[in-house]
Amino acid sequence: MNSDWAEISESFARYLLLERSLSGNSIEAYNNDVRKLQEWAALKNIHKSPLEFDINLLQDFSAYLADMGFSAMSQARIISGIRGFYKFLVMDNRLAESPADFLEPPKTGRKLPVVLSADEIDEMILQIDRSNPSGERDVAMMETLYSCGLRVSELVGLQITDVHFDEQYLRVIGKGNKERLVPIGNRALKHLKIYTREVRIHQNVQQNSRNIVFLNVRGGKLSRQSVFLLIKKLALNAGIKKVISPHTFRHSFATHLVEAGADLRAVQEMLGHESITTTEIYTHLDRNYLAETILKFHPRSS
């Protein structure tokens, strides 16, 4: 295979890390997309540098993804990665224009996320055994996750110095190392105070976790997997049949705000979405909610 692939792929990865400040997982996802294109070229005996690819070759690659049984969503994600790769090559002055600009992803129906009602969230929190110290931590975590619409990585990475109790907001470091300020409700704040001031203070904390809010029993930073397993357990005990994850709390946070009439731009800021388009999915959820309400309560709906 042309040696250009290795050098260009390494340059692309450096750009994603240093200039885009993407996480290791995001960089690896982009690398995998480029690797799929490289492997396809090898399979088809196309001995060309990525700089020599044209739209016809990229369309053939796109067709190959469909033939291999990738879902429409997976195809769209891979093609998005390839478009990002070629956008970098133009920006890095290796190409005058991107051959991927007119590469169309397959149509994907936008799947609405699963959302919990406020009552379902309360029922899950009621399943937590608060008679042991980890119970107070779990209540504080669930309340904070829902009250602030955090990603699970933001929850487990939350630092004590980022919790401003008197001003009632959190400083959150989100995707791409971007900072945002998120208000925190009274209920979540109350449980955070109980946990940090009455429970956490008595733990033996590992040196590298002294500023981390939520600790495991060994005094170290909680893993994302442990939060995922906790939520699965609470949902099971609460009799909730929906397939949920920590991200469901974030969807629920946004949906409940929009349902209550919150400004979409404000919701975008609190979620840390780069584009308002991403946040707009919650207006679709809101419309569904309104439609269901009319069908349920309007005297002329039957």
Protein backbone atom coordinates (compact mmCIF):
# COMPACT_ATOMS: atom_id res chain seq x y z
CA MET A 1 0.00 0.00 0.00
CA ASN A 2 1.22 3.50 -0.82
CA SER A 3 3.29 4.86 2.08
CA ASP A 4 1.32 8.12 1.88
CA TRP A 5 -1.47 6.42 3.85
CA ALA A 6 0.60 6.02 7.02
CA GLU A 7 2.06 9.53 7.00
CA ILE A 8 -1.24 11.24 6.15
CA SER A 9 -3.18 9.19 8.71
CA GLU A 10 -0.67 10.15 11.42
CA SER A 11 -0.94 13.83 10.46
CA PHE A 12 -4.74 13.59 10.58
CA ALA A 13 -4.62 12.01 14.06
CA ARG A 14 -2.28 14.78 15.31
CA TYR A 15 -4.65 17.41 13.94
CA LEU A 16 -7.63 15.80 15.71
CA LEU A 17 -5.72 15.70 18.98
CA LEU A 18 -3.91 19.04 18.96
CA GLU A 19 -6.23 21.32 17.00
CA ARG A 20 -9.66 19.74 17.47
CA SER A 21 -8.90 18.56 21.04
CA LEU A 22 -10.92 15.39 20.47
CA SER A 23 -10.96 12.52 22.94
CA GLY A 24 -9.00 9.32 22.37
CA ASN A 25 -12.22 7.47 21.52
CA SER A 26 -13.23 10.04 18.89
CA ILE A 27 -9.78 10.00 17.30
CA GLU A 28 -9.84 6.21 17.14
CA ALA A 29 -13.28 6.32 15.48
CA TYR A 30 -11.95 8.65 12.77
CA ASN A 31 -8.87 6.45 12.34
CA ASN A 32 -11.10 3.40 11.90
CA ASP A 33 -13.08 5.16 9.17
CA VAL A 34 -9.92 6.02 7.24
CA ARG A 35 -8.59 2.50 7.84
CA LYS A 36 -11.74 1.04 6.28
CA LEU A 37 -11.16 3.13 3.15
CA GLN A 38 -7.52 2.00 3.02
CA GLU A 39 -8.47 -1.67 3.49
CA TRP A 40 -11.10 -1.42 0.75
CA ALA A 41 -8.50 0.06 -1.62
CA ALA A 42 -6.13 -2.83 -0.86
CA LEU A 43 -8.95 -5.34 -1.41
CA LYS A 44 -9.68 -3.81 -4.82
CA ASN A 45 -5.98 -3.56 -5.74
CA ILE A 46 -6.21 0.22 -5.94
CA HIS A 47 -2.62 1.31 -5.43
CA LYS A 48 -3.23 4.99 -4.95
CA SER A 49 -2.50 7.60 -2.34
CA PRO A 50 -5.62 9.02 -0.63
CA LEU A 51 -4.66 12.26 -2.39
CA GLU A 52 -5.42 10.56 -5.72
CA PHE A 53 -8.94 9.41 -4.88
CA ASP A 54 -11.84 10.99 -6.76
CA ILE A 55 -15.58 11.05 -6.15
CA ASN A 56 -16.10 7.90 -8.26
CA LEU A 57 -13.78 5.84 -6.07
CA LEU A 58 -15.39 7.19 -2.91
CA GLN A 59 -18.85 6.34 -4.24
CA ASP A 60 -17.63 2.80 -4.97
CA PHE A 61 -16.40 2.61 -1.36
CA SER A 62 -19.80 3.83 -0.14
CA ALA A 63 -21.54 1.14 -2.20
CA TYR A 64 -19.16 -1.46 -0.73
CA LEU A 65 -20.24 -0.47 2.81
CA ALA A 66 -23.87 -1.12 1.87
CA ASP A 67 -22.96 -4.45 0.23
CA MET A 68 -21.12 -5.52 3.40
CA GLY A 69 -24.29 -5.08 5.42
CA PHE A 70 -23.42 -1.96 7.41
CA SER A 71 -26.57 -0.27 8.72
CA ALA A 72 -27.59 3.07 7.24
CA MET A 73 -26.53 4.75 10.48
CA SER A 74 -23.09 3.10 10.40
CA GLN A 75 -22.63 3.99 6.73
CA ALA A 76 -23.51 7.62 7.47
CA ARG A 77 -21.06 7.75 10.36
CA ILE A 78 -18.20 6.26 8.30
CA ILE A 79 -18.88 8.61 5.38
CA SER A 80 -18.94 11.54 7.80
CA GLY A 81 -15.49 10.44 8.99
CA ILE A 82 -14.18 10.24 5.42
CA ARG A 83 -15.54 13.70 4.66
CA GLY A 84 -13.78 15.01 7.77
CA PHE A 85 -10.55 13.34 6.61
CA TYR A 86 -10.67 15.01 3.20
CA LYS A 87 -11.65 18.34 4.74
CA PHE A 88 -8.41 18.10 6.74
CA LEU A 89 -6.41 17.37 3.56
CA VAL A 90 -7.75 20.55 1.96
CA MET A 91 -7.10 22.61 5.09
CA ASP A 92 -3.56 21.18 5.26
CA ASN A 93 -2.98 22.34 1.66
CA ARG A 94 -2.51 18.80 0.37
CA LEU A 95 -5.56 19.07 -1.90
CA ALA A 96 -7.16 22.02 -3.66
CA GLU A 97 -10.66 20.63 -3.10
CA SER A 98 -12.25 17.67 -1.41
CA PRO A 99 -13.50 14.79 -3.59
CA ALA A 100 -15.79 13.85 -0.67
CA ASP A 101 -17.84 17.06 -0.78
CA PHE A 102 -20.48 15.42 -2.95
CA LEU A 103 -20.36 12.03 -1.25
CA GLU A 104 -23.90 11.52 -0.03
CA PRO A 105 -24.59 9.34 3.01
CA PRO A 106 -27.63 7.03 2.97
CA LYS A 107 -30.86 8.43 4.32
CA THR A 108 -31.34 7.57 7.97
CA GLY A 109 -34.56 7.98 9.84
CA ARG A 110 -33.83 10.11 12.86
CA LYS A 111 -34.52 7.88 15.82
CA LEU A 112 -36.01 9.68 18.79
CA PRO A 113 -34.20 8.90 22.05
CA VAL A 114 -35.79 7.04 24.94
CA VAL A 115 -36.96 9.43 27.67
CA LEU A 116 -37.92 8.82 31.28
CA SER A 117 -40.77 10.67 32.96
CA ALA A 118 -40.06 12.62 36.15
CA ASP A 119 -42.04 9.97 38.07
CA GLU A 120 -39.88 7.18 36.61
CA ILE A 121 -36.71 9.00 37.63
CA ASP A 122 -38.09 9.49 41.14
CA GLU A 123 -39.01 5.79 41.32
CA MET A 124 -35.47 4.78 40.31
CA ILE A 125 -33.93 7.05 42.95
CA LEU A 126 -36.26 5.54 45.57
CA GLN A 127 -34.62 2.14 44.88
CA ILE A 128 -31.30 3.38 46.28
CA ASP A 129 -30.46 2.04 49.74
CA ARG A 130 -29.43 5.14 51.67
CA SER A 131 -28.56 3.20 54.81
CA ASN A 132 -24.97 2.81 53.57
CA PRO A 133 -22.53 5.55 52.48
CA SER A 134 -22.58 4.58 48.81
CA GLY A 135 -26.33 5.19 48.83
CA GLU A 136 -25.90 8.90 49.54
CA ARG A 137 -23.35 9.05 46.73
CA ASP A 138 -25.71 7.29 44.31
CA VAL A 139 -28.61 9.63 45.12
CA ALA A 140 -26.36 12.66 44.59
CA MET A 141 -25.13 11.20 41.28
CA MET A 142 -28.58 10.46 39.90
CA GLU A 143 -29.93 13.86 40.94
CA THR A 144 -26.92 15.65 39.41
CA LEU A 145 -27.06 13.59 36.21
CA TYR A 146 -30.71 14.53 35.70
CA SER A 147 -30.67 18.06 37.13
CA CYS A 148 -27.75 19.19 34.93
CA GLY A 149 -28.11 17.00 31.82
CA LEU A 150 -24.54 15.77 32.09
CA ARG A 151 -22.82 13.18 29.94
CA VAL A 152 -21.61 10.23 32.04
CA SER A 153 -17.96 11.18 31.35
CA GLU A 154 -18.71 14.67 32.68
CA LEU A 155 -20.34 13.21 35.78
CA VAL A 156 -17.47 10.91 36.75
CA GLY A 157 -14.91 13.62 35.90
CA LEU A 158 -16.67 16.34 37.92
CA GLN A 159 -14.29 18.05 40.33
CA ILE A 160 -15.04 19.54 43.73
CA THR A 161 -13.62 22.90 42.65
CA ASP A 162 -16.14 22.91 39.77
CA VAL A 163 -19.14 22.80 42.12
CA HIS A 164 -20.13 26.33 43.12
CA PHE A 165 -22.57 25.68 45.95
CA ASP A 166 -23.39 29.30 46.81
CA GLU A 167 -23.88 30.39 43.19
CA GLN A 168 -25.72 27.13 42.34
CA TYR A 169 -23.92 26.14 39.16
CA LEU A 170 -21.38 23.59 37.92
CA ARG A 171 -18.40 24.26 35.71
CA VAL A 172 -18.41 21.37 33.24
CA ILE A 173 -15.62 20.34 30.87
CA GLY A 174 -17.32 18.66 27.94
CA LYS A 175 -16.40 17.30 24.51
CA GLY A 176 -13.36 18.88 22.89
CA ASN A 177 -12.28 20.18 26.32
CA LYS A 178 -14.94 22.90 26.04
CA GLU A 179 -16.15 24.57 29.21
CA ARG A 180 -19.74 25.44 30.04
CA LEU A 181 -21.58 26.62 33.13
CA VAL A 182 -24.71 24.67 34.09
CA PRO A 183 -27.21 25.69 36.78
CA ILE A 184 -27.95 23.02 39.36
CA GLY A 185 -31.34 22.62 41.02
CA ASN A 186 -31.97 22.80 44.77
CA ARG A 187 -32.70 19.09 45.13
CA ALA A 188 -29.50 17.97 43.44
CA LEU A 189 -27.52 20.61 45.33
CA LYS A 190 -28.93 19.41 48.66
CA HIS A 191 -27.85 15.82 47.99
CA LEU A 192 -24.43 16.93 46.74
CA LYS A 193 -23.91 18.80 50.01
CA ILE A 194 -24.94 15.75 52.07
CA TYR A 195 -22.59 13.47 50.12
CA THR A 196 -19.54 15.77 49.96
CA ARG A 197 -19.83 17.18 53.50
CA GLU A 198 -21.10 14.19 55.46
CA VAL A 199 -19.98 11.07 53.57
CA ARG A 200 -17.10 11.71 51.20
CA ILE A 201 -15.16 13.64 53.86
CA HIS A 202 -14.75 10.40 55.86
CA GLN A 203 -13.32 8.37 52.93
CA ASN A 204 -9.69 7.51 52.38
CA VAL A 205 -9.14 9.24 49.05
CA GLN A 206 -6.49 8.19 46.54
CA GLN A 207 -3.91 10.88 45.80
CA ASN A 208 -4.91 11.32 42.16
CA SER A 209 -8.63 11.57 43.03
CA ARG A 210 -8.54 14.22 45.76
CA ASN A 211 -10.47 16.71 43.66
CA ILE A 212 -12.94 14.21 42.14
CA VAL A 213 -16.48 14.49 43.49
CA PHE A 214 -17.83 10.96 43.09
CA LEU A 215 -15.56 8.23 44.48
CA ASN A 216 -15.70 4.44 44.46
CA VAL A 217 -15.33 2.40 47.66
CA ARG A 218 -11.53 2.40 47.22
CA GLY A 219 -11.42 6.19 47.18
CA GLY A 220 -10.71 6.44 43.46
CA LYS A 221 -12.56 7.90 40.48
CA LEU A 222 -15.71 6.04 39.47
CA SER A 223 -15.77 4.36 36.06
CA ARG A 224 -18.44 5.11 33.46
CA GLN A 225 -19.29 1.40 33.47
CA SER A 226 -20.13 1.47 37.18
CA VAL A 227 -22.65 4.28 36.58
CA PHE A 228 -24.15 2.34 33.66
CA LEU A 229 -24.54 -0.80 35.82
CA LEU A 230 -26.08 1.20 38.67
CA ILE A 231 -28.72 2.69 36.35
CA LYS A 232 -29.55 -0.73 34.88
CA LYS A 233 -30.00 -2.11 38.40
CA LEU A 234 -32.20 0.79 39.55
CA ALA A 235 -34.39 0.56 36.44
CA LEU A 236 -34.83 -3.18 36.93
CA ASN A 237 -35.76 -2.74 40.60
CA ALA A 238 -38.20 0.07 39.69
CA GLY A 239 -39.91 -2.17 37.12
CA ILE A 240 -38.99 0.09 34.20
CA LYS A 241 -38.94 -1.86 30.94
CA LYS A 242 -37.36 0.83 28.75
CA VAL A 243 -33.82 0.23 27.48
CA ILE A 244 -31.94 3.03 29.21
CA SER A 245 -28.42 4.22 29.99
CA PRO A 246 -26.86 7.24 31.74
CA HIS A 247 -27.49 9.22 28.54
CA THR A 248 -31.23 8.67 29.00
CA PHE A 249 -31.09 11.07 31.96
CA ARG A 250 -29.56 13.71 29.67
CA HIS A 251 -32.31 13.19 27.08
CA SER A 252 -34.92 13.39 29.84
CA PHE A 253 -33.41 16.62 31.21
CA ALA A 254 -33.58 18.29 27.78
CA THR A 255 -37.03 16.96 26.91
CA HIS A 256 -38.58 18.09 30.19
CA LEU A 257 -37.10 21.58 29.75
CA VAL A 258 -38.48 21.91 26.21
CA GLU A 259 -41.87 20.56 27.30
CA ALA A 260 -41.96 23.24 29.99
CA GLY A 261 -41.27 25.97 27.42
CA ALA A 262 -37.51 26.53 27.86
CA ASP A 263 -35.74 28.48 25.09
CA LEU A 264 -34.01 26.07 22.72
CA ARG A 265 -30.82 28.16 22.69
CA ALA A 266 -30.64 27.96 26.47
CA VAL A 267 -31.06 24.18 26.33
CA GLN A 268 -28.31 24.05 23.68
CA GLU A 269 -25.96 25.98 26.00
CA MET A 270 -26.71 23.75 28.98
CA LEU A 271 -26.17 20.56 26.96
CA GLY A 272 -22.99 21.89 25.36
CA HIS A 273 -24.20 21.18 21.81
CA GLU A 274 -22.05 22.83 19.17
CA SER A 275 -24.97 23.09 16.76
CA ILE A 276 -28.60 24.01 17.45
CA THR A 277 -29.53 21.28 14.95
CA THR A 278 -28.51 18.63 17.49
CA THR A 279 -30.73 20.20 20.14
CA GLU A 280 -33.70 20.45 17.77
CA ILE A 281 -34.44 16.74 18.18
CA TYR A 282 -36.07 17.66 21.49
CA THR A 283 -38.64 19.79 19.68
CA HIS A 284 -39.70 16.61 17.84
CA LEU A 285 -40.07 14.88 21.19
CA ASP A 286 -42.08 17.83 22.43
CA ARG A 287 -44.43 17.66 19.45
CA ASN A 288 -44.97 13.94 20.14
CA TYR A 289 -45.75 14.78 23.76
CA LEU A 290 -48.27 17.44 22.71
CA ALA A 291 -49.91 15.09 20.22
CA GLU A 292 -50.23 12.36 22.85
CA THR A 293 -51.69 14.88 25.30
CA ILE A 294 -54.33 16.02 22.79
CA LEU A 295 -55.30 12.43 21.97
CA LYS A 296 -55.55 11.58 25.64
CA PHE A 297 -57.40 14.60 26.98
CA HIS A 298 -59.21 16.44 24.18
CA PRO A 299 -63.00 15.74 24.13
CA ARG A 300 -63.01 15.49 20.31
CA SER A 301 -60.04 13.11 20.04
CA SER A 302 -62.08 9.89 19.99
